[in-house]
């Protein structure tokens, strides 16, 4: 139970995560690596950094279905699954299907060159 403070306000316990992390279902922050012990940050530490994300807007009913699917899958052997992870998996599968159906399995033409030239 939270400790009572003078004036009636309760001191909130330290959950080791922010309210946003708890809302999004992110795990607690891991302690920083001990660099003094001689552990060098190599490629494996770089690979663990999360990918940059871009906000996308989806239909409200689809967002509700994704949330429901995540909660369902958390009870079916994937307790730490997040909405972003599920969306990444679904989009990867869907894009591969679309490439196979519409482009002979090849990557779609990139718009990266056009984007960098317009800045």
PDB file of N, CA and C in Angstrom:
ATOM      1  N   UNK A   1       0.843  -1.178   0.000  1.00  0.00           N
ATOM      2  CA  UNK A   1       0.000   0.000   0.000  1.00  0.00           C
ATOM      3  C   UNK A   1       0.891   1.244   0.000  1.00  0.00           C
ATOM      4  N   UNK A   2       0.452   2.281  -0.640  1.00  0.00           N
ATOM      5  CA  UNK A   2       1.233   3.516  -0.708  1.00  0.00           C
ATOM      6  C   UNK A   2       1.291   4.187   0.657  1.00  0.00           C
ATOM      7  N   UNK A   3       2.432   4.765   0.972  1.00  0.00           N
ATOM      8  CA  UNK A   3       2.642   5.446   2.244  1.00  0.00           C
ATOM      9  C   UNK A   3       1.823   6.737   2.270  1.00  0.00           C
ATOM     10  N   UNK A   4       1.128   6.966   3.402  1.00  0.00           N
ATOM     11  CA  UNK A   4       0.318   8.181   3.532  1.00  0.00           C
ATOM     12  C   UNK A   4       1.216   9.334   3.950  1.00  0.00           C
ATOM     13  N   UNK A   5       0.994  10.491   3.381  1.00  0.00           N
ATOM     14  CA  UNK A   5       1.761  11.688   3.700  1.00  0.00           C
ATOM     15  C   UNK A   5       0.844  12.693   4.363  1.00  0.00           C
ATOM     16  N   UNK A   6       1.455  13.655   5.036  1.00  0.00           N
ATOM     17  CA  UNK A   6       0.683  14.708   5.680  1.00  0.00           C
ATOM     18  C   UNK A   6      -0.120  15.454   4.621  1.00  0.00           C
ATOM     19  N   UNK A   7      -1.325  15.755   4.906  1.00  0.00           N
ATOM     20  CA  UNK A   7      -2.189  16.448   3.959  1.00  0.00           C
ATOM     21  C   UNK A   7      -3.048  15.479   3.164  1.00  0.00           C
ATOM     22  N   UNK A   8      -2.901  14.180   3.426  1.00  0.00           N
ATOM     23  CA  UNK A   8      -3.763  13.208   2.774  1.00  0.00           C
ATOM     24  C   UNK A   8      -3.266  12.678   1.442  1.00  0.00           C
ATOM     25  N   UNK A   9      -2.163  13.188   0.934  1.00  0.00           N
ATOM     26  CA  UNK A   9      -1.668  12.705  -0.346  1.00  0.00           C
ATOM     27  C   UNK A   9      -0.826  11.448  -0.150  1.00  0.00           C
ATOM     28  N   UNK A  10      -0.984  10.488  -1.019  1.00  0.00           N
ATOM     29  CA  UNK A  10      -0.218   9.252  -0.928  1.00  0.00           C
ATOM     30  C   UNK A  10       1.054   9.383  -1.760  1.00  0.00           C
ATOM     31  N   UNK A  11       2.175   8.885  -1.229  1.00  0.00           N
ATOM     32  CA  UNK A  11       3.413   8.837  -1.992  1.00  0.00           C
ATOM     33  C   UNK A  11       3.303   7.648  -2.936  1.00  0.00           C
ATOM     34  N   UNK A  12       3.544   7.885  -4.203  1.00  0.00           N
ATOM     35  CA  UNK A  12       3.426   6.823  -5.186  1.00  0.00           C
ATOM     36  C   UNK A  12       4.643   5.914  -5.134  1.00  0.00           C
ATOM     37  N   UNK A  13       4.442   4.607  -5.232  1.00  0.00           N
ATOM     38  CA  UNK A  13       5.573   3.695  -5.234  1.00  0.00           C
ATOM     39  C   UNK A  13       6.373   3.839  -6.525  1.00  0.00           C
ATOM     40  N   UNK A  14       7.651   3.474  -6.466  1.00  0.00           N
ATOM     41  CA  UNK A  14       8.519   3.525  -7.634  1.00  0.00           C
ATOM     42  C   UNK A  14       8.343   2.229  -8.417  1.00  0.00           C
ATOM     43  N   UNK A  15       7.760   2.304  -9.597  1.00  0.00           N
ATOM     44  CA  UNK A  15       7.519   1.124 -10.416  1.00  0.00           C
ATOM     45  C   UNK A  15       8.690   0.817 -11.350  1.00  0.00           C
ATOM     46  N   UNK A  16       9.730   1.638 -11.347  1.00  0.00           N
ATOM     47  CA  UNK A  16      10.894   1.508 -12.220  1.00  0.00           C
ATOM     48  C   UNK A  16      10.553   1.660 -13.698  1.00  0.00           C
ATOM     49  N   UNK A  17       9.369   2.127 -13.995  1.00  0.00           N
ATOM     50  CA  UNK A  17       8.989   2.454 -15.368  1.00  0.00           C
ATOM     51  C   UNK A  17       8.128   3.703 -15.325  1.00  0.00           C
ATOM     52  N   UNK A  18       8.065   4.381 -16.442  1.00  0.00           N
ATOM     53  CA  UNK A  18       7.203   5.555 -16.517  1.00  0.00           C
ATOM     54  C   UNK A  18       5.764   5.110 -16.753  1.00  0.00           C
ATOM     55  N   UNK A  19       4.840   6.006 -16.544  1.00  0.00           N
ATOM     56  CA  UNK A  19       3.438   5.703 -16.796  1.00  0.00           C
ATOM     57  C   UNK A  19       3.226   5.367 -18.267  1.00  0.00           C
ATOM     58  N   UNK A  20       3.942   6.053 -19.152  1.00  0.00           N
ATOM     59  CA  UNK A  20       3.818   5.782 -20.581  1.00  0.00           C
ATOM     60  C   UNK A  20       4.303   4.375 -20.906  1.00  0.00           C
ATOM     61  N   UNK A  21       5.446   3.955 -20.313  1.00  0.00           N
ATOM     62  CA  UNK A  21       5.950   2.604 -20.544  1.00  0.00           C
ATOM     63  C   UNK A  21       4.939   1.561 -20.086  1.00  0.00           C
ATOM     64  N   UNK A  22       4.351   1.784 -18.911  1.00  0.00           N
ATOM     65  CA  UNK A  22       3.364   0.826 -18.406  1.00  0.00           C
ATOM     66  C   UNK A  22       2.138   0.802 -19.307  1.00  0.00           C
ATOM     67  N   UNK A  23       1.696   1.945 -19.794  1.00  0.00           N
ATOM     68  CA  UNK A  23       0.534   2.015 -20.661  1.00  0.00           C
ATOM     69  C   UNK A  23       0.790   1.271 -21.970  1.00  0.00           C
ATOM     70  N   UNK A  24       2.001   1.417 -22.506  1.00  0.00           N
ATOM     71  CA  UNK A  24       2.345   0.775 -23.772  1.00  0.00           C
ATOM     72  C   UNK A  24       2.803  -0.665 -23.606  1.00  0.00           C
ATOM     73  N   UNK A  25       2.939  -1.114 -22.360  1.00  0.00           N
ATOM     74  CA  UNK A  25       3.343  -2.483 -22.124  1.00  0.00           C
ATOM     75  C   UNK A  25       4.823  -2.724 -22.318  1.00  0.00           C
ATOM     76  N   UNK A  26       5.656  -1.678 -22.191  1.00  0.00           N
ATOM     77  CA  UNK A  26       7.090  -1.840 -22.360  1.00  0.00           C
ATOM     78  C   UNK A  26       7.705  -2.366 -21.076  1.00  0.00           C
ATOM     79  N   UNK A  27       8.734  -3.234 -21.196  1.00  0.00           N
ATOM     80  CA  UNK A  27       9.371  -3.761 -19.985  1.00  0.00           C
ATOM     81  C   UNK A  27      10.150  -2.679 -19.255  1.00  0.00           C
ATOM     82  N   UNK A  28      10.466  -2.949 -17.982  1.00  0.00           N
ATOM     83  CA  UNK A  28      11.252  -2.013 -17.175  1.00  0.00           C
ATOM     84  C   UNK A  28      12.620  -1.832 -17.800  1.00  0.00           C
ATOM     85  N   UNK A  29      13.199  -0.657 -17.569  1.00  0.00           N
ATOM     86  CA  UNK A  29      14.503  -0.356 -18.142  1.00  0.00           C
ATOM     87  C   UNK A  29      15.569  -1.256 -17.527  1.00  0.00           C
ATOM     88  N   UNK A  30      16.452  -1.792 -18.386  1.00  0.00           N
ATOM     89  CA  UNK A  30      17.554  -2.629 -17.923  1.00  0.00           C
ATOM     90  C   UNK A  30      18.674  -1.729 -17.440  1.00  0.00           C
ATOM     91  N   UNK A  31      19.480  -2.197 -16.485  1.00  0.00           N
ATOM     92  CA  UNK A  31      20.606  -1.379 -16.033  1.00  0.00           C
ATOM     93  C   UNK A  31      21.613  -1.172 -17.148  1.00  0.00           C
ATOM     94  N   UNK A  32      22.317  -0.049 -17.093  1.00  0.00           N
ATOM     95  CA  UNK A  32      23.318   0.270 -18.122  1.00  0.00           C
ATOM     96  C   UNK A  32      24.464  -0.726 -18.041  1.00  0.00           C
ATOM     97  N   UNK A  33      25.083  -1.057 -19.189  1.00  0.00           N
ATOM     98  CA  UNK A  33      26.194  -1.997 -19.171  1.00  0.00           C
ATOM     99  C   UNK A  33      27.373  -1.437 -18.394  1.00  0.00           C
ATOM    100  N   UNK A  34      28.135  -2.319 -17.740  1.00  0.00           N
ATOM    101  CA  UNK A  34      29.286  -1.929 -16.940  1.00  0.00           C
ATOM    102  C   UNK A  34      30.497  -1.798 -17.852  1.00  0.00           C
ATOM    103  N   UNK A  35      30.778  -0.573 -18.299  1.00  0.00           N
ATOM    104  CA  UNK A  35      31.895  -0.340 -19.205  1.00  0.00           C
ATOM    105  C   UNK A  35      33.223  -0.392 -18.468  1.00  0.00           C
ATOM    106  N   UNK A  36      33.223  -0.173 -17.156  1.00  0.00           N
ATOM    107  CA  UNK A  36      34.465  -0.198 -16.388  1.00  0.00           C
ATOM    108  C   UNK A  36      35.018  -1.613 -16.278  1.00  0.00           C
ATOM    109  N   UNK A  37      34.172  -2.613 -16.449  1.00  0.00           N
ATOM    110  CA  UNK A  37      34.617  -3.999 -16.333  1.00  0.00           C
ATOM    111  C   UNK A  37      35.281  -4.480 -17.610  1.00  0.00           C
ATOM    112  N   UNK A  38      35.480  -3.610 -18.581  1.00  0.00           N
ATOM    113  CA  UNK A  38      36.176  -3.976 -19.800  1.00  0.00           C
ATOM    114  C   UNK A  38      35.266  -4.468 -20.917  1.00  0.00           C
ATOM    115  N   UNK A  39      33.964  -4.345 -20.730  1.00  0.00           N
ATOM    116  CA  UNK A  39      33.048  -4.761 -21.786  1.00  0.00           C
ATOM    117  C   UNK A  39      32.923  -3.642 -22.803  1.00  0.00           C
ATOM    118  N   UNK A  40      33.335  -3.917 -24.011  1.00  0.00           N
ATOM    119  CA  UNK A  40      33.248  -2.908 -25.068  1.00  0.00           C
ATOM    120  C   UNK A  40      31.893  -3.024 -25.755  1.00  0.00           C
ATOM    121  N   UNK A  41      31.358  -1.909 -26.162  1.00  0.00           N
ATOM    122  CA  UNK A  41      30.115  -1.909 -26.923  1.00  0.00           C
ATOM    123  C   UNK A  41      30.439  -2.258 -28.359  1.00  0.00           C
ATOM    124  N   UNK A  42      30.008  -3.419 -28.767  1.00  0.00           N
ATOM    125  CA  UNK A  42      30.288  -3.881 -30.121  1.00  0.00           C
ATOM    126  C   UNK A  42      29.047  -3.823 -30.971  1.00  0.00           C
ATOM    127  N   UNK A  43      29.043  -4.595 -32.043  1.00  0.00           N
ATOM    128  CA  UNK A  43      27.920  -4.612 -32.971  1.00  0.00           C
ATOM    129  C   UNK A  43      26.660  -5.139 -32.298  1.00  0.00           C
ATOM    130  N   UNK A  44      26.798  -6.086 -31.354  1.00  0.00           N
ATOM    131  CA  UNK A  44      25.607  -6.652 -30.731  1.00  0.00           C
ATOM    132  C   UNK A  44      24.848  -5.599 -29.931  1.00  0.00           C
ATOM    133  N   UNK A  45      25.543  -4.697 -29.258  1.00  0.00           N
ATOM    134  CA  UNK A  45      24.868  -3.632 -28.515  1.00  0.00           C
ATOM    135  C   UNK A  45      24.186  -2.670 -29.469  1.00  0.00           C
ATOM    136  N   UNK A  46      24.806  -2.419 -30.617  1.00  0.00           N
ATOM    137  CA  UNK A  46      24.215  -1.522 -31.613  1.00  0.00           C
ATOM    138  C   UNK A  46      22.967  -2.141 -32.218  1.00  0.00           C
ATOM    139  N   UNK A  47      22.968  -3.461 -32.425  1.00  0.00           N
ATOM    140  CA  UNK A  47      21.828  -4.140 -33.025  1.00  0.00           C
ATOM    141  C   UNK A  47      20.619  -4.144 -32.102  1.00  0.00           C
ATOM    142  N   UNK A  48      20.827  -3.991 -30.789  1.00  0.00           N
ATOM    143  CA  UNK A  48      19.737  -4.045 -29.840  1.00  0.00           C
ATOM    144  C   UNK A  48      18.964  -2.735 -29.759  1.00  0.00           C
ATOM    145  N   UNK A  49      19.475  -1.676 -30.353  1.00  0.00           N
ATOM    146  CA  UNK A  49      18.755  -0.407 -30.329  1.00  0.00           C
ATOM    147  C   UNK A  49      17.474  -0.554 -31.146  1.00  0.00           C
ATOM    148  N   UNK A  50      16.370  -0.022 -30.645  1.00  0.00           N
ATOM    149  CA  UNK A  50      15.122  -0.152 -31.384  1.00  0.00           C
ATOM    150  C   UNK A  50      15.159   0.654 -32.676  1.00  0.00           C
ATOM    151  N   UNK A  51      14.443   0.144 -33.655  1.00  0.00           N
ATOM    152  CA  UNK A  51      14.368   0.825 -34.942  1.00  0.00           C
ATOM    153  C   UNK A  51      13.640   2.154 -34.768  1.00  0.00           C
ATOM    154  N   UNK A  52      14.003   3.124 -35.598  1.00  0.00           N
ATOM    155  CA  UNK A  52      13.268   4.393 -35.577  1.00  0.00           C
ATOM    156  C   UNK A  52      11.860   4.125 -36.053  1.00  0.00           C
ATOM    157  N   UNK A  53      10.902   4.756 -35.418  1.00  0.00           N
ATOM    158  CA  UNK A  53       9.508   4.518 -35.754  1.00  0.00           C
ATOM    159  C   UNK A  53       8.890   5.799 -36.300  1.00  0.00           C
ATOM    160  N   UNK A  54       7.965   5.631 -37.218  1.00  0.00           N
ATOM    161  CA  UNK A  54       7.187   6.745 -37.747  1.00  0.00           C
ATOM    162  C   UNK A  54       5.744   6.549 -37.341  1.00  0.00           C
ATOM    163  N   UNK A  55       5.078   7.607 -36.935  1.00  0.00           N
ATOM    164  CA  UNK A  55       3.665   7.448 -36.570  1.00  0.00           C
ATOM    165  C   UNK A  55       2.811   7.232 -37.819  1.00  0.00           C
ATOM    166  N   UNK A  56       1.954   6.252 -37.741  1.00  0.00           N
ATOM    167  CA  UNK A  56       0.991   5.992 -38.808  1.00  0.00           C
ATOM    168  C   UNK A  56      -0.403   6.057 -38.209  1.00  0.00           C
ATOM    169  N   UNK A  57      -1.339   6.496 -38.988  1.00  0.00           N
ATOM    170  CA  UNK A  57      -2.710   6.562 -38.516  1.00  0.00           C
ATOM    171  C   UNK A  57      -3.476   5.393 -39.118  1.00  0.00           C
ATOM    172  N   UNK A  58      -4.241   4.709 -38.271  1.00  0.00           N
ATOM    173  CA  UNK A  58      -5.062   3.599 -38.738  1.00  0.00           C
ATOM    174  C   UNK A  58      -6.503   3.849 -38.302  1.00  0.00           C
ATOM    175  N   UNK A  59      -7.398   3.197 -38.992  1.00  0.00           N
ATOM    176  CA  UNK A  59      -8.808   3.277 -38.675  1.00  0.00           C
ATOM    177  C   UNK A  59      -9.032   2.839 -37.224  1.00  0.00           C
ATOM    178  N   UNK A  60      -9.937   3.507 -36.542  1.00  0.00           N
ATOM    179  CA  UNK A  60     -10.172   3.233 -35.127  1.00  0.00           C
ATOM    180  C   UNK A  60     -10.551   1.777 -34.875  1.00  0.00           C
ATOM    181  N   UNK A  61     -11.382   1.205 -35.748  1.00  0.00           N
ATOM    182  CA  UNK A  61     -11.789  -0.194 -35.532  1.00  0.00           C
ATOM    183  C   UNK A  61     -10.606  -1.139 -35.728  1.00  0.00           C
ATOM    184  N   UNK A  62      -9.681  -0.814 -36.640  1.00  0.00           N
ATOM    185  CA  UNK A  62      -8.481  -1.643 -36.804  1.00  0.00           C
ATOM    186  C   UNK A  62      -7.573  -1.534 -35.579  1.00  0.00           C
ATOM    187  N   UNK A  63      -7.448  -0.333 -35.039  1.00  0.00           N
ATOM    188  CA  UNK A  63      -6.634  -0.142 -33.836  1.00  0.00           C
ATOM    189  C   UNK A  63      -7.209  -0.952 -32.678  1.00  0.00           C
ATOM    190  N   UNK A  64      -8.532  -0.988 -32.558  1.00  0.00           N
ATOM    191  CA  UNK A  64      -9.174  -1.783 -31.512  1.00  0.00           C
ATOM    192  C   UNK A  64      -8.904  -3.274 -31.718  1.00  0.00           C
ATOM    193  N   UNK A  65      -8.950  -3.726 -32.977  1.00  0.00           N
ATOM    194  CA  UNK A  65      -8.687  -5.135 -33.269  1.00  0.00           C
ATOM    195  C   UNK A  65      -7.235  -5.508 -32.961  1.00  0.00           C
ATOM    196  N   UNK A  66      -6.296  -4.599 -33.253  1.00  0.00           N
ATOM    197  CA  UNK A  66      -4.887  -4.857 -32.947  1.00  0.00           C
ATOM    198  C   UNK A  66      -4.709  -4.958 -31.434  1.00  0.00           C
ATOM    199  N   UNK A  67      -5.302  -4.044 -30.697  1.00  0.00           N
ATOM    200  CA  UNK A  67      -5.202  -4.094 -29.232  1.00  0.00           C
ATOM    201  C   UNK A  67      -5.763  -5.403 -28.709  1.00  0.00           C
ATOM    202  N   UNK A  68      -6.941  -5.813 -29.215  1.00  0.00           N
ATOM    203  CA  UNK A  68      -7.556  -7.061 -28.773  1.00  0.00           C
ATOM    204  C   UNK A  68      -6.679  -8.263 -29.124  1.00  0.00           C
ATOM    205  N   UNK A  69      -6.073  -8.251 -30.312  1.00  0.00           N
ATOM    206  CA  UNK A  69      -5.205  -9.354 -30.730  1.00  0.00           C
ATOM    207  C   UNK A  69      -3.972  -9.444 -29.835  1.00  0.00           C
ATOM    208  N   UNK A  70      -3.399  -8.299 -29.472  1.00  0.00           N
ATOM    209  CA  UNK A  70      -2.222  -8.300 -28.592  1.00  0.00           C
ATOM    210  C   UNK A  70      -2.585  -8.891 -27.240  1.00  0.00           C
ATOM    211  N   UNK A  71      -3.696  -8.455 -26.673  1.00  0.00           N
ATOM    212  CA  UNK A  71      -4.117  -8.981 -25.374  1.00  0.00           C
ATOM    213  C   UNK A  71      -4.393 -10.482 -25.454  1.00  0.00           C
ATOM    214  N   UNK A  72      -4.985 -10.921 -26.554  1.00  0.00           N
ATOM    215  CA  UNK A  72      -5.249 -12.347 -26.749  1.00  0.00           C
ATOM    216  C   UNK A  72      -3.942 -13.132 -26.831  1.00  0.00           C
ATOM    217  N   UNK A  73      -2.987 -12.639 -27.623  1.00  0.00           N
ATOM    218  CA  UNK A  73      -1.716 -13.339 -27.806  1.00  0.00           C
ATOM    219  C   UNK A  73      -0.869 -13.322 -26.541  1.00  0.00           C
ATOM    220  N   UNK A  74      -1.017 -12.293 -25.710  1.00  0.00           N
ATOM    221  CA  UNK A  74      -0.282 -12.263 -24.440  1.00  0.00           C
ATOM    222  C   UNK A  74      -0.689 -13.439 -23.555  1.00  0.00           C
ATOM    223  N   UNK A  75      -1.903 -13.895 -23.687  1.00  0.00           N
ATOM    224  CA  UNK A  75      -2.372 -15.055 -22.932  1.00  0.00           C
ATOM    225  C   UNK A  75      -2.111 -16.364 -23.631  1.00  0.00           C
ATOM    226  N   UNK A  76      -1.493 -16.311 -24.807  1.00  0.00           N
ATOM    227  CA  UNK A  76      -1.223 -17.511 -25.598  1.00  0.00           C
ATOM    228  C   UNK A  76       0.265 -17.682 -25.881  1.00  0.00           C
ATOM    229  N   UNK A  77       1.105 -17.419 -24.884  1.00  0.00           N
ATOM    230  CA  UNK A  77       2.523 -17.704 -25.024  1.00  0.00           C
ATOM    231  C   UNK A  77       3.401 -16.539 -25.446  1.00  0.00           C
ATOM    232  N   UNK A  78       2.839 -15.344 -25.608  1.00  0.00           N
ATOM    233  CA  UNK A  78       3.640 -14.169 -25.958  1.00  0.00           C
ATOM    234  C   UNK A  78       3.325 -13.038 -24.987  1.00  0.00           C
ATOM    235  N   UNK A  79       3.694 -13.218 -23.697  1.00  0.00           N
ATOM    236  CA  UNK A  79       3.255 -12.275 -22.668  1.00  0.00           C
ATOM    237  C   UNK A  79       3.811 -10.867 -22.801  1.00  0.00           C
ATOM    238  N   UNK A  80       4.881 -10.662 -23.531  1.00  0.00           N
ATOM    239  CA  UNK A  80       5.465  -9.321 -23.649  1.00  0.00           C
ATOM    240  C   UNK A  80       5.210  -8.682 -25.017  1.00  0.00           C
ATOM    241  N   UNK A  81       4.322  -9.258 -25.808  1.00  0.00           N
ATOM    242  CA  UNK A  81       4.008  -8.721 -27.134  1.00  0.00           C
ATOM    243  C   UNK A  81       3.430  -7.313 -27.009  1.00  0.00           C
ATOM    244  N   UNK A  82       3.898  -6.409 -27.874  1.00  0.00           N
ATOM    245  CA  UNK A  82       3.367  -5.046 -27.910  1.00  0.00           C
ATOM    246  C   UNK A  82       2.610  -4.829 -29.213  1.00  0.00           C
ATOM    247  N   UNK A  83       1.826  -3.768 -29.246  1.00  0.00           N
ATOM    248  CA  UNK A  83       1.103  -3.444 -30.468  1.00  0.00           C
ATOM    249  C   UNK A  83       2.072  -3.162 -31.615  1.00  0.00           C
ATOM    250  N   UNK A  84       3.171  -2.455 -31.326  1.00  0.00           N
ATOM    251  CA  UNK A  84       4.139  -2.163 -32.376  1.00  0.00           C
ATOM    252  C   UNK A  84       4.760  -3.434 -32.941  1.00  0.00           C
ATOM    253  N   UNK A  85       5.098  -4.392 -32.065  1.00  0.00           N
ATOM    254  CA  UNK A  85       5.672  -5.651 -32.545  1.00  0.00           C
ATOM    255  C   UNK A  85       4.687  -6.397 -33.428  1.00  0.00           C
ATOM    256  N   UNK A  86       3.426  -6.461 -33.000  1.00  0.00           N
ATOM    257  CA  UNK A  86       2.421  -7.153 -33.801  1.00  0.00           C
ATOM    258  C   UNK A  86       2.216  -6.456 -35.136  1.00  0.00           C
ATOM    259  N   UNK A  87       2.148  -5.123 -35.121  1.00  0.00           N
ATOM    260  CA  UNK A  87       2.001  -4.387 -36.379  1.00  0.00           C
ATOM    261  C   UNK A  87       3.178  -4.639 -37.311  1.00  0.00           C
ATOM    262  N   UNK A  88       4.408  -4.669 -36.778  1.00  0.00           N
ATOM    263  CA  UNK A  88       5.582  -4.961 -37.602  1.00  0.00           C
ATOM    264  C   UNK A  88       5.460  -6.344 -38.244  1.00  0.00           C
ATOM    265  N   UNK A  89       5.046  -7.334 -37.455  1.00  0.00           N
ATOM    266  CA  UNK A  89       4.899  -8.692 -37.982  1.00  0.00           C
ATOM    267  C   UNK A  89       3.825  -8.758 -39.071  1.00  0.00           C
ATOM    268  N   UNK A  90       2.680  -8.146 -38.803  1.00  0.00           N
ATOM    269  CA  UNK A  90       1.582  -8.171 -39.765  1.00  0.00           C
ATOM    270  C   UNK A  90       1.938  -7.433 -41.050  1.00  0.00           C
ATOM    271  N   UNK A  91       2.590  -6.270 -40.912  1.00  0.00           N
ATOM    272  CA  UNK A  91       2.974  -5.520 -42.105  1.00  0.00           C
ATOM    273  C   UNK A  91       4.044  -6.242 -42.912  1.00  0.00           C
ATOM    274  N   UNK A  92       4.990  -6.891 -42.245  1.00  0.00           N
ATOM    275  CA  UNK A  92       6.021  -7.652 -42.949  1.00  0.00           C
ATOM    276  C   UNK A  92       5.391  -8.769 -43.763  1.00  0.00           C
ATOM    277  N   UNK A  93       4.480  -9.519 -43.136  1.00  0.00           N
ATOM    278  CA  UNK A  93       3.796 -10.614 -43.828  1.00  0.00           C
ATOM    279  C   UNK A  93       2.937 -10.081 -44.973  1.00  0.00           C
ATOM    280  N   UNK A  94       2.182  -9.021 -44.711  1.00  0.00           N
ATOM    281  CA  UNK A  94       1.308  -8.448 -45.735  1.00  0.00           C
ATOM    282  C   UNK A  94       2.079  -7.869 -46.911  1.00  0.00           C
ATOM    283  N   UNK A  95       3.185  -7.187 -46.637  1.00  0.00           N
ATOM    284  CA  UNK A  95       3.988  -6.615 -47.721  1.00  0.00           C
ATOM    285  C   UNK A  95       4.641  -7.704 -48.568  1.00  0.00           C
ATOM    286  N   UNK A  96       5.093  -8.801 -47.912  1.00  0.00           N
ATOM    287  CA  UNK A  96       5.661  -9.904 -48.695  1.00  0.00           C
ATOM    288  C   UNK A  96       4.597 -10.521 -49.590  1.00  0.00           C
ATOM    289  N   UNK A  97       3.380 -10.690 -49.072  1.00  0.00           N
ATOM    290  CA  UNK A  97       2.282 -11.216 -49.882  1.00  0.00           C
ATOM    291  C   UNK A  97       2.014 -10.293 -51.066  1.00  0.00           C
ATOM    292  N   UNK A  98       1.989  -8.977 -50.837  1.00  0.00           N
ATOM    293  CA  UNK A  98       1.733  -8.017 -51.900  1.00  0.00           C
ATOM    294  C   UNK A  98       2.842  -8.039 -52.949  1.00  0.00           C
ATOM    295  N   UNK A  99       4.115  -8.134 -52.495  1.00  0.00           N
ATOM    296  CA  UNK A  99       5.232  -8.241 -53.450  1.00  0.00           C
ATOM    297  C   UNK A  99       5.084  -9.503 -54.296  1.00  0.00           C
ATOM    298  N   UNK A 100       4.738 -10.622 -53.663  1.00  0.00           N
ATOM    299  CA  UNK A 100       4.571 -11.887 -54.392  1.00  0.00           C
ATOM    300  C   UNK A 100       3.437 -11.792 -55.400  1.00  0.00           C
ATOM    301  N   UNK A 101       2.331 -11.169 -55.026  1.00  0.00           N
ATOM    302  CA  UNK A 101       1.159 -11.085 -55.897  1.00  0.00           C
ATOM    303  C   UNK A 101       1.321 -10.056 -57.016  1.00  0.00           C
ATOM    304  N   UNK A 102       1.917  -8.921 -56.709  1.00  0.00           N
ATOM    305  CA  UNK A 102       1.913  -7.802 -57.658  1.00  0.00           C
ATOM    306  C   UNK A 102       3.254  -7.525 -58.313  1.00  0.00           C
ATOM    307  N   UNK A 103       4.358  -8.028 -57.754  1.00  0.00           N
ATOM    308  CA  UNK A 103       5.658  -7.625 -58.282  1.00  0.00           C
ATOM    309  C   UNK A 103       6.631  -8.807 -58.399  1.00  0.00           C
ATOM    310  N   UNK A 104       6.092 -10.015 -58.581  1.00  0.00           N
ATOM    311  CA  UNK A 104       6.934 -11.184 -58.776  1.00  0.00           C
ATOM    312  C   UNK A 104       7.880 -11.450 -57.616  1.00  0.00           C
ATOM    313  N   UNK A 105       7.524 -11.032 -56.414  1.00  0.00           N
ATOM    314  CA  UNK A 105       8.360 -11.257 -55.241  1.00  0.00           C
ATOM    315  C   UNK A 105       9.486 -10.248 -55.079  1.00  0.00           C
ATOM    316  N   UNK A 106       9.622  -9.310 -55.998  1.00  0.00           N
ATOM    317  CA  UNK A 106      10.692  -8.306 -55.952  1.00  0.00           C
ATOM    318  C   UNK A 106      10.286  -7.129 -55.063  1.00  0.00           C
ATOM    319  N   UNK A 107      11.298  -6.426 -54.554  1.00  0.00           N
ATOM    320  CA  UNK A 107      11.044  -5.221 -53.767  1.00  0.00           C
ATOM    321  C   UNK A 107      10.348  -4.175 -54.640  1.00  0.00           C
ATOM    322  N   UNK A 108       9.522  -3.358 -54.023  1.00  0.00           N
ATOM    323  CA  UNK A 108       8.891  -2.257 -54.736  1.00  0.00           C
ATOM    324  C   UNK A 108       9.933  -1.166 -54.989  1.00  0.00           C
ATOM    325  N   UNK A 109       9.776  -0.389 -56.064  1.00  0.00           N
ATOM    326  CA  UNK A 109      10.723   0.710 -56.312  1.00  0.00           C
ATOM    327  C   UNK A 109      10.769   1.664 -55.127  1.00  0.00           C
ATOM    328  N   UNK A 110      11.956   2.072 -54.746  1.00  0.00           N
ATOM    329  CA  UNK A 110      12.139   2.946 -53.588  1.00  0.00           C
ATOM    330  C   UNK A 110      11.827   4.390 -53.939  1.00  0.00           C
ATOM    331  N   UNK A 111      11.249   5.096 -52.983  1.00  0.00           N
ATOM    332  CA  UNK A 111      10.992   6.526 -53.147  1.00  0.00           C
ATOM    333  C   UNK A 111      12.044   7.337 -52.416  1.00  0.00           C
ATOM    334  N   UNK A 112      13.046   6.673 -51.841  1.00  0.00           N
ATOM    335  CA  UNK A 112      14.077   7.359 -51.044  1.00  0.00           C
ATOM    336  C   UNK A 112      14.794   8.427 -51.857  1.00  0.00           C
ATOM    337  N   UNK A 113      15.152   8.128 -53.092  1.00  0.00           N
ATOM    338  CA  UNK A 113      15.867   9.090 -53.927  1.00  0.00           C
ATOM    339  C   UNK A 113      15.018  10.332 -54.174  1.00  0.00           C
ATOM    340  N   UNK A 114      13.734  10.151 -54.426  1.00  0.00           N
ATOM    341  CA  UNK A 114      12.850  11.290 -54.663  1.00  0.00           C
ATOM    342  C   UNK A 114      12.697  12.132 -53.409  1.00  0.00           C
ATOM    343  N   UNK A 115      12.614  11.498 -52.248  1.00  0.00           N
ATOM    344  CA  UNK A 115      12.448  12.217 -51.002  1.00  0.00           C
ATOM    345  C   UNK A 115      13.677  13.069 -50.695  1.00  0.00           C
ATOM    346  N   UNK A 116      14.873  12.506 -50.879  1.00  0.00           N
ATOM    347  CA  UNK A 116      16.080  13.257 -50.527  1.00  0.00           C
ATOM    348  C   UNK A 116      16.325  14.403 -51.515  1.00  0.00           C
ATOM    349  N   UNK A 117      15.836  14.301 -52.742  1.00  0.00           N
ATOM    350  CA  UNK A 117      16.050  15.357 -53.716  1.00  0.00           C
ATOM    351  C   UNK A 117      15.126  16.535 -53.532  1.00  0.00           C
ATOM    352  N   UNK A 118      14.047  16.379 -52.764  1.00  0.00           N
ATOM    353  CA  UNK A 118      13.080  17.478 -52.622  1.00  0.00           C
ATOM    354  C   UNK A 118      13.365  18.358 -51.422  1.00  0.00           C
ATOM    355  N   UNK A 119      14.352  18.008 -50.623  1.00  0.00           N
ATOM    356  CA  UNK A 119      14.633  18.813 -49.432  1.00  0.00           C
ATOM    357  C   UNK A 119      15.371  20.066 -49.750  1.00  0.00           C
TER     358      UNK A 119
END
